[in-house]
PDB file of N, CA and C in Angstrom:
ATOM      1  N   MET A   1      51.260  20.451 137.270  1.00  0.00           N
ATOM      2  CA  MET A   1      51.063  19.796 136.128  1.00  0.00           C
ATOM      3  C   MET A   1      50.056  19.172 135.527  1.00  0.00           C
ATOM      4  N   LEU A   2      49.836  18.328 136.218  1.00  0.00           N
ATOM      5  CA  LEU A   2      48.460  17.386 135.773  1.00  0.00           C
ATOM      6  C   LEU A   2      47.204  18.321 136.214  1.00  0.00           C
ATOM      7  N   HIS A   3      47.261  19.284 136.811  1.00  0.00           N
ATOM      8  CA  HIS A   3      46.081  20.228 136.671  1.00  0.00           C
ATOM      9  C   HIS A   3      46.036  20.655 135.610  1.00  0.00           C
ATOM     10  N   TYR A   4      47.021  21.397 135.059  1.00  0.00           N
ATOM     11  CA  TYR A   4      47.097  22.126 133.702  1.00  0.00           C
ATOM     12  C   TYR A   4      46.406  21.287 132.189  1.00  0.00           C
ATOM     13  N   SER A   5      46.924  19.907 132.588  1.00  0.00           N
ATOM     14  CA  SER A   5      46.334  18.786 131.550  1.00  0.00           C
ATOM     15  C   SER A   5      45.207  18.751 131.633  1.00  0.00           C
ATOM     16  N   VAL A   6      44.302  18.511 132.798  1.00  0.00           N
ATOM     17  CA  VAL A   6      43.009  18.534 132.991  1.00  0.00           C
ATOM     18  C   VAL A   6      42.436  19.854 132.573  1.00  0.00           C
ATOM     19  N   VAL A   7      42.872  20.864 132.926  1.00  0.00           N
ATOM     20  CA  VAL A   7      42.084  21.883 132.289  1.00  0.00           C
ATOM     21  C   VAL A   7      41.985  22.103 131.159  1.00  0.00           C
ATOM     22  N   PHE A   8      43.251  22.130 130.110  1.00  0.00           N
ATOM     23  CA  PHE A   8      43.328  22.019 128.963  1.00  0.00           C
ATOM     24  C   PHE A   8      42.147  20.622 128.228  1.00  0.00           C
ATOM     25  N   LEU A   9      42.032  19.836 128.878  1.00  0.00           N
ATOM     26  CA  LEU A   9      41.370  18.577 128.364  1.00  0.00           C
ATOM     27  C   LEU A   9      39.679  18.812 128.555  1.00  0.00           C
ATOM     28  N   VAL A  10      39.723  19.652 129.950  1.00  0.00           N
ATOM     29  CA  VAL A  10      38.079  20.309 129.767  1.00  0.00           C
ATOM     30  C   VAL A  10      37.705  21.494 128.651  1.00  0.00           C
ATOM     31  N   ILE A  11      38.798  22.365 128.490  1.00  0.00           N
ATOM     32  CA  ILE A  11      38.669  23.220 127.368  1.00  0.00           C
ATOM     33  C   ILE A  11      38.525  22.710 126.065  1.00  0.00           C
ATOM     34  N   ALA A  12      39.065  21.843 125.891  1.00  0.00           N
ATOM     35  CA  ALA A  12      38.993  20.564 124.335  1.00  0.00           C
ATOM     36  C   ALA A  12      37.613  20.279 124.329  1.00  0.00           C
ATOM     37  N   LEU A  13      36.707  19.725 125.388  1.00  0.00           N
ATOM     38  CA  LEU A  13      35.641  19.246 125.553  1.00  0.00           C
ATOM     39  C   LEU A  13      34.713  20.431 125.335  1.00  0.00           C
ATOM     40  N   ILE A  14      34.985  21.201 125.819  1.00  0.00           N
ATOM     41  CA  ILE A  14      33.866  22.295 125.441  1.00  0.00           C
ATOM     42  C   ILE A  14      33.901  22.989 124.361  1.00  0.00           C
ATOM     43  N   ALA A  15      35.211  23.061 124.105  1.00  0.00           N
ATOM     44  CA  ALA A  15      35.269  23.566 122.345  1.00  0.00           C
ATOM     45  C   ALA A  15      34.756  22.752 121.516  1.00  0.00           C
ATOM     46  N   ALA A  16      34.714  21.632 121.692  1.00  0.00           N
ATOM     47  CA  ALA A  16      34.544  20.540 120.832  1.00  0.00           C
ATOM     48  C   ALA A  16      33.106  20.601 120.821  1.00  0.00           C
ATOM     49  N   VAL A  17      32.505  20.841 121.755  1.00  0.00           N
ATOM     50  CA  VAL A  17      30.734  20.828 122.251  1.00  0.00           C
ATOM     51  C   VAL A  17      30.249  21.997 121.122  1.00  0.00           C
ATOM     52  N   PHE A  18      30.826  23.157 121.409  1.00  0.00           N
ATOM     53  CA  PHE A  18      30.399  24.607 120.530  1.00  0.00           C
ATOM     54  C   PHE A  18      30.889  24.169 118.841  1.00  0.00           C
ATOM     55  N   GLY A  19      31.511  23.333 118.780  1.00  0.00           N
ATOM     56  CA  GLY A  19      32.063  23.262 117.272  1.00  0.00           C
ATOM     57  C   GLY A  19      33.062  23.647 116.736  1.00  0.00           C
ATOM     58  N   PHE A  20      34.022  24.416 117.853  1.00  0.00           N
ATOM     59  CA  PHE A  20      35.332  24.935 117.380  1.00  0.00           C
ATOM     60  C   PHE A  20      36.517  23.630 117.550  1.00  0.00           C
ATOM     61  N   GLY A  21      36.565  23.323 116.256  1.00  0.00           N
ATOM     62  CA  GLY A  21      37.496  21.735 116.148  1.00  0.00           C
ATOM     63  C   GLY A  21      38.854  22.111 116.203  1.00  0.00           C
ATOM     64  N   GLY A  22      39.079  23.008 115.729  1.00  0.00           N
ATOM     65  CA  GLY A  22      40.810  23.497 115.505  1.00  0.00           C
ATOM     66  C   GLY A  22      41.108  23.789 116.765  1.00  0.00           C
ATOM     67  N   ILE A  23      40.098  24.558 117.553  1.00  0.00           N
ATOM     68  CA  ILE A  23      40.764  24.866 119.110  1.00  0.00           C
ATOM     69  C   ILE A  23      40.665  23.735 119.905  1.00  0.00           C
ATOM     70  N   ALA A  24      39.868  22.595 119.711  1.00  0.00           N
ATOM     71  CA  ALA A  24      39.802  21.510 120.324  1.00  0.00           C
ATOM     72  C   ALA A  24      40.937  20.533 120.041  1.00  0.00           C
ATOM     73  N   ALA A  25      41.162  20.573 118.983  1.00  0.00           N
ATOM     74  CA  ALA A  25      42.608  19.983 118.722  1.00  0.00           C
ATOM     75  C   ALA A  25      43.741  20.379 119.467  1.00  0.00           C
ATOM     76  N   GLY A  26      44.004  21.453 119.250  1.00  0.00           N
ATOM     77  CA  GLY A  26      45.040  22.352 119.938  1.00  0.00           C
ATOM     78  C   GLY A  26      44.992  21.845 121.239  1.00  0.00           C
ATOM     79  N   ALA A  27      44.078  21.885 121.940  1.00  0.00           N
ATOM     80  CA  ALA A  27      43.928  22.033 123.273  1.00  0.00           C
ATOM     81  C   ALA A  27      43.903  20.363 123.560  1.00  0.00           C
ATOM     82  N   VAL A  28      43.711  19.677 122.923  1.00  0.00           N
ATOM     83  CA  VAL A  28      43.864  17.866 123.406  1.00  0.00           C
ATOM     84  C   VAL A  28      45.274  17.792 123.467  1.00  0.00           C
ATOM     85  N   GLU A  29      45.735  18.373 121.867  1.00  0.00           N
ATOM     86  CA  GLU A  29      47.593  18.075 122.042  1.00  0.00           C
ATOM     87  C   GLU A  29      48.296  18.647 123.138  1.00  0.00           C
ATOM     88  N   ILE A  30      47.977  20.047 123.578  1.00  0.00           N
ATOM     89  CA  ILE A  30      48.798  20.697 125.013  1.00  0.00           C
ATOM     90  C   ILE A  30      48.434  19.455 125.926  1.00  0.00           C
ATOM     91  N   ALA A  31      47.043  19.145 126.183  1.00  0.00           N
ATOM     92  CA  ALA A  31      46.947  18.195 127.307  1.00  0.00           C
ATOM     93  C   ALA A  31      47.834  16.968 127.096  1.00  0.00           C
ATOM     94  N   LYS A  32      47.439  16.649 126.294  1.00  0.00           N
ATOM     95  CA  LYS A  32      48.639  15.266 125.860  1.00  0.00           C
ATOM     96  C   LYS A  32      50.082  15.395 126.089  1.00  0.00           C
ATOM     97  N   ILE A  33      50.371  16.507 125.574  1.00  0.00           N
ATOM     98  CA  ILE A  33      51.780  16.948 126.012  1.00  0.00           C
ATOM     99  C   ILE A  33      52.028  17.074 127.565  1.00  0.00           C
ATOM    100  N   LEU A  34      51.254  17.637 127.984  1.00  0.00           N
ATOM    101  CA  LEU A  34      51.804  18.037 129.566  1.00  0.00           C
ATOM    102  C   LEU A  34      51.450  16.682 130.288  1.00  0.00           C
ATOM    103  N   PHE A  35      50.463  16.050 130.012  1.00  0.00           N
ATOM    104  CA  PHE A  35      50.451  14.770 130.924  1.00  0.00           C
ATOM    105  C   PHE A  35      51.354  13.573 130.602  1.00  0.00           C
ATOM    106  N   PHE A  36      52.236  13.495 129.585  1.00  0.00           N
ATOM    107  CA  PHE A  36      53.183  12.697 129.245  1.00  0.00           C
ATOM    108  C   PHE A  36      54.594  13.483 129.725  1.00  0.00           C
ATOM    109  N   ILE A  37      54.622  14.740 129.899  1.00  0.00           N
ATOM    110  CA  ILE A  37      55.743  15.298 130.872  1.00  0.00           C
ATOM    111  C   ILE A  37      55.538  14.818 132.501  1.00  0.00           C
ATOM    112  N   PHE A  38      54.004  15.155 132.784  1.00  0.00           N
ATOM    113  CA  PHE A  38      53.736  14.545 133.819  1.00  0.00           C
ATOM    114  C   PHE A  38      54.387  13.176 134.624  1.00  0.00           C
ATOM    115  N   ALA A  39      53.994  12.653 133.671  1.00  0.00           N
ATOM    116  CA  ALA A  39      54.321  10.977 133.658  1.00  0.00           C
ATOM    117  C   ALA A  39      55.787  10.628 133.896  1.00  0.00           C
ATOM    118  N   VAL A  40      56.410  11.543 133.253  1.00  0.00           N
ATOM    119  CA  VAL A  40      57.778  11.049 133.016  1.00  0.00           C
ATOM    120  C   VAL A  40      58.411  11.758 134.459  1.00  0.00           C
ATOM    121  N   ILE A  41      57.872  13.090 134.718  1.00  0.00           N
ATOM    122  CA  ILE A  41      58.503  13.335 135.897  1.00  0.00           C
ATOM    123  C   ILE A  41      58.021  12.736 137.032  1.00  0.00           C
ATOM    124  N   ALA A  42      56.846  11.966 137.376  1.00  0.00           N
ATOM    125  CA  ALA A  42      56.367  11.091 138.164  1.00  0.00           C
ATOM    126  C   ALA A  42      57.529   9.704 138.189  1.00  0.00           C
ATOM    127  N   VAL A  43      57.795   9.127 137.162  1.00  0.00           N
ATOM    128  CA  VAL A  43      58.261   8.109 137.496  1.00  0.00           C
ATOM    129  C   VAL A  43      59.730   8.219 137.722  1.00  0.00           C
ATOM    130  N   VAL A  44      60.332   9.454 137.312  1.00  0.00           N
ATOM    131  CA  VAL A  44      61.439   9.943 137.651  1.00  0.00           C
ATOM    132  C   VAL A  44      61.671   9.946 139.038  1.00  0.00           C
ATOM    133  N   THR A  45      60.867  10.687 139.827  1.00  0.00           N
ATOM    134  CA  THR A  45      60.863  11.174 141.043  1.00  0.00           C
ATOM    135  C   THR A  45      60.562  10.082 142.006  1.00  0.00           C
ATOM    136  N   PHE A  46      59.727   8.794 141.311  1.00  0.00           N
ATOM    137  CA  PHE A  46      59.747   7.863 142.499  1.00  0.00           C
ATOM    138  C   PHE A  46      61.119   7.045 142.110  1.00  0.00           C
ATOM    139  N   VAL A  47      61.831   6.628 141.207  1.00  0.00           N
ATOM    140  CA  VAL A  47      62.920   6.048 141.222  1.00  0.00           C
ATOM    141  C   VAL A  47      64.271   6.638 141.845  1.00  0.00           C
ATOM    142  N   VAL A  48      64.034   7.829 141.858  1.00  0.00           N
ATOM    143  CA  VAL A  48      64.998   8.625 142.797  1.00  0.00           C
ATOM    144  C   VAL A  48      64.592   8.497 144.445  1.00  0.00           C
ATOM    145  N   GLY A  49      63.498   8.940 144.425  1.00  0.00           N
ATOM    146  CA  GLY A  49      62.910   8.367 146.014  1.00  0.00           C
ATOM    147  C   GLY A  49      63.557   7.001 146.465  1.00  0.00           C
ATOM    148  N   LEU A  50      63.034   6.009 145.636  1.00  0.00           N
ATOM    149  CA  LEU A  50      63.494   4.469 145.805  1.00  0.00           C
ATOM    150  C   LEU A  50      65.337   4.535 145.866  1.00  0.00           C
ATOM    151  N   MET A  51      65.785   5.023 145.176  1.00  0.00           N
ATOM    152  CA  MET A  51      66.879   5.061 145.202  1.00  0.00           C
ATOM    153  C   MET A  51      67.962   5.518 146.682  1.00  0.00           C
ATOM    154  N   LYS A  52      67.063   6.630 146.942  1.00  0.00           N
ATOM    155  CA  LYS A  52      67.834   7.634 148.090  1.00  0.00           C
ATOM    156  C   LYS A  52      67.354   6.635 149.428  1.00  0.00           C
ATOM    157  N   ARG A  53      66.415   5.638 149.500  1.00  0.00           N
ATOM    158  CA  ARG A  53      66.244   4.885 150.722  1.00  0.00           C
ATOM    159  C   ARG A  53      67.201   4.048 151.020  1.00  0.00           C
ATOM    160  N   ASN A  54      68.083   3.630 149.987  1.00  0.00           N
ATOM    161  CA  ASN A  54      68.788   2.240 149.906  1.00  0.00           C
ATOM    162  C   ASN A  54      70.091   2.985 150.724  1.00  0.00           C
TER     163      ASN A  54
END
């Protein structure tokens, strides 16, 4: 999922360079959403891993 977030960020940067503001804004929003979903899943996985250890 982090991979897709980086891909959308790169798409947004390329679109911004070429002047496609709407596409860039959409790709940035998708990248942010995917990043936060990844961060939540990573934290949950970390906490569950700590709980299983005990």
